[in-house]
Amino acid sequence: MPSVQNGGRFSRPIHSLVLDTAPLLTLPYGQIKSFNASNYYTVPLAKEEVKDETARAALEIWGQELKIRQPQAKSIQEGKNCSLYEADISDFFCKEDGGL
């Protein structure tokens, strides 16, 4: 996990930040961008979940910066294993996210 310096800024670069629907719609674009990640990703389901016009406009702000990718089965399994280790699998994955 990146270490945090004074002011809440990350001291190590973040290569990729994966976003679910909730932060994409509830956090301001600038706040997410303050993580200074090299890449921003979400899953196809996150985009499909957005139905109303206002929420779609929030996603459109990202343009080509937000890459839509389906995670590989191996990546999903690694996420499940990590969340089992941390005892938070019910919070980490819903049926649609991990096929649970």
PDB file of N, CA and C in Angstrom:
ATOM      1  N   MET A   1       0.852  -1.177   0.000  1.00  0.00           N
ATOM      2  CA  MET A   1       0.000   0.000   0.000  1.00  0.00           C
ATOM      3  C   MET A   1       0.896   1.237   0.000  1.00  0.00           C
ATOM      4  N   PRO A   2       0.567   2.264  -0.753  1.00  0.00           N
ATOM      5  CA  PRO A   2       1.388   3.471  -0.788  1.00  0.00           C
ATOM      6  C   PRO A   2       1.456   4.133   0.575  1.00  0.00           C
ATOM      7  N   SER A   3       2.634   4.632   0.912  1.00  0.00           N
ATOM      8  CA  SER A   3       2.748   5.360   2.172  1.00  0.00           C
ATOM      9  C   SER A   3       2.236   6.779   1.968  1.00  0.00           C
ATOM     10  N   VAL A   4       1.735   7.368   3.058  1.00  0.00           N
ATOM     11  CA  VAL A   4       1.135   8.694   2.978  1.00  0.00           C
ATOM     12  C   VAL A   4       2.040   9.712   3.659  1.00  0.00           C
ATOM     13  N   GLN A   5       2.245  10.835   3.006  1.00  0.00           N
ATOM     14  CA  GLN A   5       3.012  11.928   3.577  1.00  0.00           C
ATOM     15  C   GLN A   5       2.057  12.940   4.172  1.00  0.00           C
ATOM     16  N   ASN A   6       2.622  14.025   4.720  1.00  0.00           N
ATOM     17  CA  ASN A   6       1.788  15.107   5.251  1.00  0.00           C
ATOM     18  C   ASN A   6       0.825  15.603   4.198  1.00  0.00           C
ATOM     19  N   GLY A   7      -0.362  15.929   4.620  1.00  0.00           N
ATOM     20  CA  GLY A   7      -1.365  16.450   3.698  1.00  0.00           C
ATOM     21  C   GLY A   7      -2.136  15.355   2.986  1.00  0.00           C
ATOM     22  N   GLY A   8      -1.867  14.089   3.311  1.00  0.00           N
ATOM     23  CA  GLY A   8      -2.619  12.996   2.713  1.00  0.00           C
ATOM     24  C   GLY A   8      -2.199  12.630   1.305  1.00  0.00           C
ATOM     25  N   ARG A   9      -1.079  13.154   0.812  1.00  0.00           N
ATOM     26  CA  ARG A   9      -0.616  12.837  -0.537  1.00  0.00           C
ATOM     27  C   ARG A   9       0.188  11.552  -0.515  1.00  0.00           C
ATOM     28  N   PHE A  10       0.087  10.754  -1.550  1.00  0.00           N
ATOM     29  CA  PHE A  10       0.815   9.505  -1.623  1.00  0.00           C
ATOM     30  C   PHE A  10       2.247   9.767  -2.046  1.00  0.00           C
ATOM     31  N   SER A  11       3.176   9.097  -1.377  1.00  0.00           N
ATOM     32  CA  SER A  11       4.589   9.325  -1.656  1.00  0.00           C
ATOM     33  C   SER A  11       5.117   8.408  -2.761  1.00  0.00           C
ATOM     34  N   ARG A  12       4.452   7.294  -3.009  1.00  0.00           N
ATOM     35  CA  ARG A  12       4.855   6.414  -4.098  1.00  0.00           C
ATOM     36  C   ARG A  12       3.837   6.529  -5.221  1.00  0.00           C
ATOM     37  N   PRO A  13       4.285   6.439  -6.452  1.00  0.00           N
ATOM     38  CA  PRO A  13       3.340   6.555  -7.571  1.00  0.00           C
ATOM     39  C   PRO A  13       2.363   5.387  -7.609  1.00  0.00           C
ATOM     40  N   ILE A  14       1.157   5.676  -8.036  1.00  0.00           N
ATOM     41  CA  ILE A  14       0.135   4.655  -8.222  1.00  0.00           C
ATOM     42  C   ILE A  14       0.066   4.361  -9.709  1.00  0.00           C
ATOM     43  N   HIS A  15       0.303   3.120 -10.065  1.00  0.00           N
ATOM     44  CA  HIS A  15       0.286   2.758 -11.484  1.00  0.00           C
ATOM     45  C   HIS A  15      -1.137   2.691 -12.011  1.00  0.00           C
ATOM     46  N   SER A  16      -1.991   1.916 -11.344  1.00  0.00           N
ATOM     47  CA  SER A  16      -3.353   1.721 -11.826  1.00  0.00           C
ATOM     48  C   SER A  16      -4.337   1.804 -10.679  1.00  0.00           C
ATOM     49  N   LEU A  17      -5.413   2.526 -10.900  1.00  0.00           N
ATOM     50  CA  LEU A  17      -6.472   2.664  -9.910  1.00  0.00           C
ATOM     51  C   LEU A  17      -7.748   2.115 -10.537  1.00  0.00           C
ATOM     52  N   VAL A  18      -8.344   1.109  -9.902  1.00  0.00           N
ATOM     53  CA  VAL A  18      -9.557   0.477 -10.409  1.00  0.00           C
ATOM     54  C   VAL A  18     -10.741   1.044  -9.639  1.00  0.00           C
ATOM     55  N   LEU A  19     -11.707   1.577 -10.361  1.00  0.00           N
ATOM     56  CA  LEU A  19     -12.849   2.256  -9.753  1.00  0.00           C
ATOM     57  C   LEU A  19     -14.149   1.514 -10.006  1.00  0.00           C
ATOM     58  N   ASP A  20     -14.941   1.391  -8.960  1.00  0.00           N
ATOM     59  CA  ASP A  20     -16.277   0.827  -9.073  1.00  0.00           C
ATOM     60  C   ASP A  20     -17.240   1.975  -9.384  1.00  0.00           C
ATOM     61  N   THR A  21     -18.490   1.662  -9.581  1.00  0.00           N
ATOM     62  CA  THR A  21     -19.482   2.677  -9.924  1.00  0.00           C
ATOM     63  C   THR A  21     -19.614   3.746  -8.847  1.00  0.00           C
ATOM     64  N   ALA A  22     -19.632   3.352  -7.587  1.00  0.00           N
ATOM     65  CA  ALA A  22     -19.874   4.301  -6.497  1.00  0.00           C
ATOM     66  C   ALA A  22     -18.903   5.475  -6.493  1.00  0.00           C
ATOM     67  N   PRO A  23     -17.587   5.269  -6.489  1.00  0.00           N
ATOM     68  CA  PRO A  23     -16.704   6.438  -6.488  1.00  0.00           C
ATOM     69  C   PRO A  23     -16.787   7.266  -7.770  1.00  0.00           C
ATOM     70  N   LEU A  24     -17.058   6.597  -8.877  1.00  0.00           N
ATOM     71  CA  LEU A  24     -17.177   7.335 -10.135  1.00  0.00           C
ATOM     72  C   LEU A  24     -18.337   8.319 -10.106  1.00  0.00           C
ATOM     73  N   LEU A  25     -19.398   7.977  -9.360  1.00  0.00           N
ATOM     74  CA  LEU A  25     -20.586   8.829  -9.332  1.00  0.00           C
ATOM     75  C   LEU A  25     -20.659   9.729  -8.105  1.00  0.00           C
ATOM     76  N   THR A  26     -19.938   9.387  -7.046  1.00  0.00           N
ATOM     77  CA  THR A  26     -20.067  10.165  -5.812  1.00  0.00           C
ATOM     78  C   THR A  26     -18.870  11.053  -5.505  1.00  0.00           C
ATOM     79  N   LEU A  27     -17.722  10.733  -6.056  1.00  0.00           N
ATOM     80  CA  LEU A  27     -16.534  11.550  -5.802  1.00  0.00           C
ATOM     81  C   LEU A  27     -16.284  12.477  -6.983  1.00  0.00           C
ATOM     82  N   PRO A  28     -15.923  13.703  -6.715  1.00  0.00           N
ATOM     83  CA  PRO A  28     -15.602  14.615  -7.822  1.00  0.00           C
ATOM     84  C   PRO A  28     -14.404  14.101  -8.623  1.00  0.00           C
ATOM     85  N   TYR A  29     -14.445  14.338  -9.908  1.00  0.00           N
ATOM     86  CA  TYR A  29     -13.370  13.950 -10.824  1.00  0.00           C
ATOM     87  C   TYR A  29     -12.007  14.390 -10.280  1.00  0.00           C
ATOM     88  N   GLY A  30     -11.914  15.623  -9.841  1.00  0.00           N
ATOM     89  CA  GLY A  30     -10.643  16.161  -9.345  1.00  0.00           C
ATOM     90  C   GLY A  30     -10.129  15.426  -8.129  1.00  0.00           C
ATOM     91  N   GLN A  31     -11.029  14.975  -7.279  1.00  0.00           N
ATOM     92  CA  GLN A  31     -10.616  14.241  -6.085  1.00  0.00           C
ATOM     93  C   GLN A  31     -10.002  12.892  -6.469  1.00  0.00           C
ATOM     94  N   ILE A  32     -10.609  12.215  -7.415  1.00  0.00           N
ATOM     95  CA  ILE A  32     -10.059  10.932  -7.870  1.00  0.00           C
ATOM     96  C   ILE A  32      -8.729  11.175  -8.581  1.00  0.00           C
ATOM     97  N   LYS A  33      -8.669  12.202  -9.391  1.00  0.00           N
ATOM     98  CA  LYS A  33      -7.436  12.508 -10.126  1.00  0.00           C
ATOM     99  C   LYS A  33      -6.298  12.914  -9.189  1.00  0.00           C
ATOM    100  N   SER A  34      -6.616  13.356  -7.967  1.00  0.00           N
ATOM    101  CA  SER A  34      -5.567  13.759  -7.025  1.00  0.00           C
ATOM    102  C   SER A  34      -4.697  12.582  -6.595  1.00  0.00           C
ATOM    103  N   PHE A  35      -5.135  11.359  -6.873  1.00  0.00           N
ATOM    104  CA  PHE A  35      -4.298  10.190  -6.597  1.00  0.00           C
ATOM    105  C   PHE A  35      -3.133  10.108  -7.578  1.00  0.00           C
ATOM    106  N   ASN A  36      -3.217  10.854  -8.670  1.00  0.00           N
ATOM    107  CA  ASN A  36      -2.161  10.910  -9.682  1.00  0.00           C
ATOM    108  C   ASN A  36      -1.768   9.531 -10.211  1.00  0.00           C
ATOM    109  N   ALA A  37      -2.749   8.673 -10.418  1.00  0.00           N
ATOM    110  CA  ALA A  37      -2.470   7.355 -10.981  1.00  0.00           C
ATOM    111  C   ALA A  37      -2.110   7.495 -12.454  1.00  0.00           C
ATOM    112  N   SER A  38      -1.316   6.574 -12.923  1.00  0.00           N
ATOM    113  CA  SER A  38      -0.966   6.567 -14.344  1.00  0.00           C
ATOM    114  C   SER A  38      -2.131   6.076 -15.195  1.00  0.00           C
ATOM    115  N   ASN A  39      -2.947   5.168 -14.633  1.00  0.00           N
ATOM    116  CA  ASN A  39      -4.065   4.581 -15.361  1.00  0.00           C
ATOM    117  C   ASN A  39      -5.286   4.478 -14.451  1.00  0.00           C
ATOM    118  N   TYR A  40      -6.456   4.698 -15.042  1.00  0.00           N
ATOM    119  CA  TYR A  40      -7.724   4.571 -14.330  1.00  0.00           C
ATOM    120  C   TYR A  40      -8.581   3.563 -15.089  1.00  0.00           C
ATOM    121  N   TYR A  41      -9.110   2.566 -14.349  1.00  0.00           N
ATOM    122  CA  TYR A  41      -9.888   1.504 -14.961  1.00  0.00           C
ATOM    123  C   TYR A  41     -11.219   1.330 -14.242  1.00  0.00           C
ATOM    124  N   THR A  42     -12.172   0.777 -14.974  1.00  0.00           N
ATOM    125  CA  THR A  42     -13.409   0.273 -14.393  1.00  0.00           C
ATOM    126  C   THR A  42     -13.827  -0.937 -15.218  1.00  0.00           C
ATOM    127  N   VAL A  43     -14.831  -1.641 -14.742  1.00  0.00           N
ATOM    128  CA  VAL A  43     -15.310  -2.838 -15.440  1.00  0.00           C
ATOM    129  C   VAL A  43     -16.527  -2.479 -16.286  1.00  0.00           C
ATOM    130  N   PRO A  44     -16.826  -3.278 -17.310  1.00  0.00           N
ATOM    131  CA  PRO A  44     -17.982  -2.982 -18.163  1.00  0.00           C
ATOM    132  C   PRO A  44     -19.282  -2.840 -17.378  1.00  0.00           C
ATOM    133  N   LEU A  45     -19.461  -3.634 -16.348  1.00  0.00           N
ATOM    134  CA  LEU A  45     -20.682  -3.586 -15.554  1.00  0.00           C
ATOM    135  C   LEU A  45     -20.880  -2.214 -14.906  1.00  0.00           C
ATOM    136  N   ALA A  46     -19.790  -1.571 -14.497  1.00  0.00           N
ATOM    137  CA  ALA A  46     -19.908  -0.254 -13.865  1.00  0.00           C
ATOM    138  C   ALA A  46     -20.546   0.750 -14.824  1.00  0.00           C
ATOM    139  N   LYS A  47     -20.156   0.696 -16.072  1.00  0.00           N
ATOM    140  CA  LYS A  47     -20.733   1.603 -17.060  1.00  0.00           C
ATOM    141  C   LYS A  47     -22.177   1.233 -17.368  1.00  0.00           C
ATOM    142  N   GLU A  48     -22.461  -0.064 -17.415  1.00  0.00           N
ATOM    143  CA  GLU A  48     -23.821  -0.533 -17.700  1.00  0.00           C
ATOM    144  C   GLU A  48     -24.796  -0.178 -16.579  1.00  0.00           C
ATOM    145  N   GLU A  49     -24.293  -0.107 -15.336  1.00  0.00           N
ATOM    146  CA  GLU A  49     -25.147   0.186 -14.191  1.00  0.00           C
ATOM    147  C   GLU A  49     -25.701   1.607 -14.210  1.00  0.00           C
ATOM    148  N   VAL A  50     -25.015   2.483 -14.903  1.00  0.00           N
ATOM    149  CA  VAL A  50     -25.392   3.896 -14.911  1.00  0.00           C
ATOM    150  C   VAL A  50     -26.529   4.115 -15.896  1.00  0.00           C
ATOM    151  N   LYS A  51     -27.697   4.477 -15.363  1.00  0.00           N
ATOM    152  CA  LYS A  51     -28.893   4.596 -16.205  1.00  0.00           C
ATOM    153  C   LYS A  51     -29.324   6.049 -16.441  1.00  0.00           C
ATOM    154  N   ASP A  52     -29.236   6.880 -15.393  1.00  0.00           N
ATOM    155  CA  ASP A  52     -29.788   8.229 -15.573  1.00  0.00           C
ATOM    156  C   ASP A  52     -28.786   9.175 -16.236  1.00  0.00           C
ATOM    157  N   GLU A  53     -29.333  10.220 -16.832  1.00  0.00           N
ATOM    158  CA  GLU A  53     -28.561  11.158 -17.637  1.00  0.00           C
ATOM    159  C   GLU A  53     -27.480  11.895 -16.840  1.00  0.00           C
ATOM    160  N   THR A  54     -27.796  12.303 -15.628  1.00  0.00           N
ATOM    161  CA  THR A  54     -26.833  13.030 -14.800  1.00  0.00           C
ATOM    162  C   THR A  54     -25.635  12.154 -14.470  1.00  0.00           C
ATOM    163  N   ALA A  55     -25.901  10.899 -14.114  1.00  0.00           N
ATOM    164  CA  ALA A  55     -24.819   9.972 -13.787  1.00  0.00           C
ATOM    165  C   ALA A  55     -23.964   9.673 -15.024  1.00  0.00           C
ATOM    166  N   ARG A  56     -24.603   9.535 -16.162  1.00  0.00           N
ATOM    167  CA  ARG A  56     -23.851   9.292 -17.403  1.00  0.00           C
ATOM    168  C   ARG A  56     -22.935  10.482 -17.721  1.00  0.00           C
ATOM    169  N   ALA A  57     -23.411  11.684 -17.438  1.00  0.00           N
ATOM    170  CA  ALA A  57     -22.594  12.880 -17.665  1.00  0.00           C
ATOM    171  C   ALA A  57     -21.346  12.845 -16.781  1.00  0.00           C
ATOM    172  N   ALA A  58     -21.495  12.339 -15.545  1.00  0.00           N
ATOM    173  CA  ALA A  58     -20.348  12.225 -14.643  1.00  0.00           C
ATOM    174  C   ALA A  58     -19.301  11.274 -15.214  1.00  0.00           C
ATOM    175  N   LEU A  59     -19.737  10.226 -15.872  1.00  0.00           N
ATOM    176  CA  LEU A  59     -18.802   9.288 -16.493  1.00  0.00           C
ATOM    177  C   LEU A  59     -18.150   9.882 -17.742  1.00  0.00           C
ATOM    178  N   GLU A  60     -18.909  10.675 -18.478  1.00  0.00           N
ATOM    179  CA  GLU A  60     -18.382  11.255 -19.714  1.00  0.00           C
ATOM    180  C   GLU A  60     -17.249  12.229 -19.469  1.00  0.00           C
ATOM    181  N   ILE A  61     -17.184  12.797 -18.265  1.00  0.00           N
ATOM    182  CA  ILE A  61     -16.086  13.712 -17.913  1.00  0.00           C
ATOM    183  C   ILE A  61     -14.736  13.026 -18.110  1.00  0.00           C
ATOM    184  N   TRP A  62     -14.707  11.722 -17.874  1.00  0.00           N
ATOM    185  CA  TRP A  62     -13.464  10.971 -17.960  1.00  0.00           C
ATOM    186  C   TRP A  62     -12.952  10.816 -19.386  1.00  0.00           C
ATOM    187  N   GLY A  63     -13.837  10.838 -20.350  1.00  0.00           N
ATOM    188  CA  GLY A  63     -13.411  10.649 -21.735  1.00  0.00           C
ATOM    189  C   GLY A  63     -12.634   9.356 -21.909  1.00  0.00           C
ATOM    190  N   GLN A  64     -11.493   9.433 -22.585  1.00  0.00           N
ATOM    191  CA  GLN A  64     -10.662   8.252 -22.849  1.00  0.00           C
ATOM    192  C   GLN A  64      -9.740   7.899 -21.680  1.00  0.00           C
ATOM    193  N   GLU A  65      -9.722   8.741 -20.651  1.00  0.00           N
ATOM    194  CA  GLU A  65      -8.857   8.467 -19.486  1.00  0.00           C
ATOM    195  C   GLU A  65      -9.303   7.236 -18.704  1.00  0.00           C
ATOM    196  N   LEU A  66     -10.598   6.988 -18.657  1.00  0.00           N
ATOM    197  CA  LEU A  66     -11.136   5.854 -17.921  1.00  0.00           C
ATOM    198  C   LEU A  66     -11.254   4.675 -18.879  1.00  0.00           C
ATOM    199  N   LYS A  67     -10.429   3.686 -18.665  1.00  0.00           N
ATOM    200  CA  LYS A  67     -10.409   2.519 -19.539  1.00  0.00           C
ATOM    201  C   LYS A  67     -11.376   1.467 -18.998  1.00  0.00           C
ATOM    202  N   ILE A  68     -12.164   0.891 -19.884  1.00  0.00           N
ATOM    203  CA  ILE A  68     -13.126  -0.144 -19.523  1.00  0.00           C
ATOM    204  C   ILE A  68     -12.497  -1.497 -19.860  1.00  0.00           C
ATOM    205  N   ARG A  69     -12.312  -2.325 -18.832  1.00  0.00           N
ATOM    206  CA  ARG A  69     -11.710  -3.643 -19.050  1.00  0.00           C
ATOM    207  C   ARG A  69     -12.389  -4.690 -18.192  1.00  0.00           C
ATOM    208  N   GLN A  70     -12.545  -5.869 -18.743  1.00  0.00           N
ATOM    209  CA  GLN A  70     -13.048  -7.014 -17.987  1.00  0.00           C
ATOM    210  C   GLN A  70     -11.844  -7.683 -17.342  1.00  0.00           C
ATOM    211  N   PRO A  71     -11.860  -7.851 -16.015  1.00  0.00           N
ATOM    212  CA  PRO A  71     -10.701  -8.495 -15.380  1.00  0.00           C
ATOM    213  C   PRO A  71     -10.586  -9.969 -15.775  1.00  0.00           C
ATOM    214  N   GLN A  72      -9.365 -10.443 -15.831  1.00  0.00           N
ATOM    215  CA  GLN A  72      -9.125 -11.853 -16.117  1.00  0.00           C
ATOM    216  C   GLN A  72      -9.550 -12.678 -14.904  1.00  0.00           C
ATOM    217  N   ALA A  73      -9.897 -13.927 -15.152  1.00  0.00           N
ATOM    218  CA  ALA A  73     -10.313 -14.826 -14.076  1.00  0.00           C
ATOM    219  C   ALA A  73      -9.234 -14.920 -12.996  1.00  0.00           C
ATOM    220  N   LYS A  74      -7.984 -14.924 -13.399  1.00  0.00           N
ATOM    221  CA  LYS A  74      -6.858 -14.992 -12.450  1.00  0.00           C
ATOM    222  C   LYS A  74      -6.861 -13.773 -11.530  1.00  0.00           C
ATOM    223  N   SER A  75      -7.120 -12.604 -12.093  1.00  0.00           N
ATOM    224  CA  SER A  75      -7.144 -11.371 -11.287  1.00  0.00           C
ATOM    225  C   SER A  75      -8.302 -11.383 -10.301  1.00  0.00           C
ATOM    226  N   ILE A  76      -9.453 -11.874 -10.733  1.00  0.00           N
ATOM    227  CA  ILE A  76     -10.611 -11.967  -9.838  1.00  0.00           C
ATOM    228  C   ILE A  76     -10.291 -12.915  -8.691  1.00  0.00           C
ATOM    229  N   GLN A  77      -9.666 -14.055  -9.008  1.00  0.00           N
ATOM    230  CA  GLN A  77      -9.315 -15.016  -7.969  1.00  0.00           C
ATOM    231  C   GLN A  77      -8.314 -14.423  -6.980  1.00  0.00           C
ATOM    232  N   GLU A  78      -7.345 -13.662  -7.475  1.00  0.00           N
ATOM    233  CA  GLU A  78      -6.372 -13.022  -6.581  1.00  0.00           C
ATOM    234  C   GLU A  78      -7.063 -12.022  -5.662  1.00  0.00           C
ATOM    235  N   GLY A  79      -8.021 -11.292  -6.187  1.00  0.00           N
ATOM    236  CA  GLY A  79      -8.787 -10.360  -5.363  1.00  0.00           C
ATOM    237  C   GLY A  79      -9.593 -11.081  -4.299  1.00  0.00           C
ATOM    238  N   LYS A  80     -10.206 -12.202  -4.682  1.00  0.00           N
ATOM    239  CA  LYS A  80     -10.962 -13.008  -3.717  1.00  0.00           C
ATOM    240  C   LYS A  80     -10.046 -13.527  -2.614  1.00  0.00           C
ATOM    241  N   ASN A  81      -8.891 -14.052  -3.013  1.00  0.00           N
ATOM    242  CA  ASN A  81      -7.948 -14.583  -2.031  1.00  0.00           C
ATOM    243  C   ASN A  81      -7.500 -13.509  -1.052  1.00  0.00           C
ATOM    244  N   CYS A  82      -7.216 -12.336  -1.578  1.00  0.00           N
ATOM    245  CA  CYS A  82      -6.797 -11.225  -0.730  1.00  0.00           C
ATOM    246  C   CYS A  82      -7.908 -10.830   0.233  1.00  0.00           C
ATOM    247  N   SER A  83      -9.134 -10.749  -0.254  1.00  0.00           N
ATOM    248  CA  SER A  83     -10.240 -10.331   0.604  1.00  0.00           C
ATOM    249  C   SER A  83     -10.560 -11.408   1.641  1.00  0.00           C
ATOM    250  N   LEU A  84     -10.349 -12.675   1.305  1.00  0.00           N
ATOM    251  CA  LEU A  84     -10.527 -13.746   2.299  1.00  0.00           C
ATOM    252  C   LEU A  84      -9.497 -13.605   3.410  1.00  0.00           C
ATOM    253  N   TYR A  85      -8.280 -13.309   3.015  1.00  0.00           N
ATOM    254  CA  TYR A  85      -7.195 -13.115   3.983  1.00  0.00           C
ATOM    255  C   TYR A  85      -7.503 -11.936   4.900  1.00  0.00           C
ATOM    256  N   GLU A  86      -8.080 -10.898   4.345  1.00  0.00           N
ATOM    257  CA  GLU A  86      -8.407  -9.691   5.109  1.00  0.00           C
ATOM    258  C   GLU A  86      -9.780  -9.781   5.770  1.00  0.00           C
ATOM    259  N   ALA A  87     -10.499 -10.869   5.531  1.00  0.00           N
ATOM    260  CA  ALA A  87     -11.820 -11.129   6.123  1.00  0.00           C
ATOM    261  C   ALA A  87     -12.872 -10.108   5.717  1.00  0.00           C
ATOM    262  N   ASP A  88     -12.799  -9.614   4.506  1.00  0.00           N
ATOM    263  CA  ASP A  88     -13.802  -8.648   4.051  1.00  0.00           C
ATOM    264  C   ASP A  88     -14.393  -9.012   2.693  1.00  0.00           C
ATOM    265  N   ILE A  89     -14.506 -10.292   2.408  1.00  0.00           N
ATOM    266  CA  ILE A  89     -14.987 -10.712   1.083  1.00  0.00           C
ATOM    267  C   ILE A  89     -16.406 -10.242   0.806  1.00  0.00           C
ATOM    268  N   SER A  90     -17.252 -10.159   1.829  1.00  0.00           N
ATOM    269  CA  SER A  90     -18.631  -9.726   1.572  1.00  0.00           C
ATOM    270  C   SER A  90     -18.673  -8.263   1.157  1.00  0.00           C
ATOM    271  N   ASP A  91     -17.700  -7.473   1.593  1.00  0.00           N
ATOM    272  CA  ASP A  91     -17.646  -6.070   1.199  1.00  0.00           C
ATOM    273  C   ASP A  91     -16.919  -5.888  -0.131  1.00  0.00           C
ATOM    274  N   PHE A  92     -16.014  -6.803  -0.435  1.00  0.00           N
ATOM    275  CA  PHE A  92     -15.159  -6.641  -1.596  1.00  0.00           C
ATOM    276  C   PHE A  92     -15.823  -7.058  -2.893  1.00  0.00           C
ATOM    277  N   PHE A  93     -16.588  -8.130  -2.872  1.00  0.00           N
ATOM    278  CA  PHE A  93     -17.178  -8.667  -4.092  1.00  0.00           C
ATOM    279  C   PHE A  93     -18.682  -8.819  -3.967  1.00  0.00           C
ATOM    280  N   CYS A  94     -19.374  -8.382  -5.000  1.00  0.00           N
ATOM    281  CA  CYS A  94     -20.784  -8.723  -5.113  1.00  0.00           C
ATOM    282  C   CYS A  94     -20.866  -9.800  -6.195  1.00  0.00           C
ATOM    283  N   LYS A  95     -22.030 -10.359  -6.416  1.00  0.00           N
ATOM    284  CA  LYS A  95     -22.166 -11.420  -7.403  1.00  0.00           C
ATOM    285  C   LYS A  95     -21.635 -10.981  -8.767  1.00  0.00           C
ATOM    286  N   GLU A  96     -21.991  -9.767  -9.164  1.00  0.00           N
ATOM    287  CA  GLU A  96     -21.614  -9.287 -10.483  1.00  0.00           C
ATOM    288  C   GLU A  96     -20.104  -9.078 -10.595  1.00  0.00           C
ATOM    289  N   ASP A  97     -19.468  -8.661  -9.492  1.00  0.00           N
ATOM    290  CA  ASP A  97     -18.036  -8.399  -9.525  1.00  0.00           C
ATOM    291  C   ASP A  97     -17.214  -9.667  -9.666  1.00  0.00           C
ATOM    292  N   GLY A  98     -17.541 -10.664  -8.839  1.00  0.00           N
ATOM    293  CA  GLY A  98     -16.668 -11.817  -8.792  1.00  0.00           C
ATOM    294  C   GLY A  98     -17.324 -13.142  -9.044  1.00  0.00           C
ATOM    295  N   GLY A  99     -18.575 -13.138  -9.409  1.00  0.00           N
ATOM    296  CA  GLY A  99     -19.245 -14.383  -9.683  1.00  0.00           C
ATOM    297  C   GLY A  99     -19.482 -15.237  -8.443  1.00  0.00           C
ATOM    298  N   LEU A 100     -19.595 -14.604  -7.285  1.00  0.00           N
ATOM    299  CA  LEU A 100     -19.818 -15.359  -6.040  1.00  0.00           C
ATOM    300  C   LEU A 100     -21.234 -15.840  -5.936  1.00  0.00           C
TER     301      LEU A 100
END
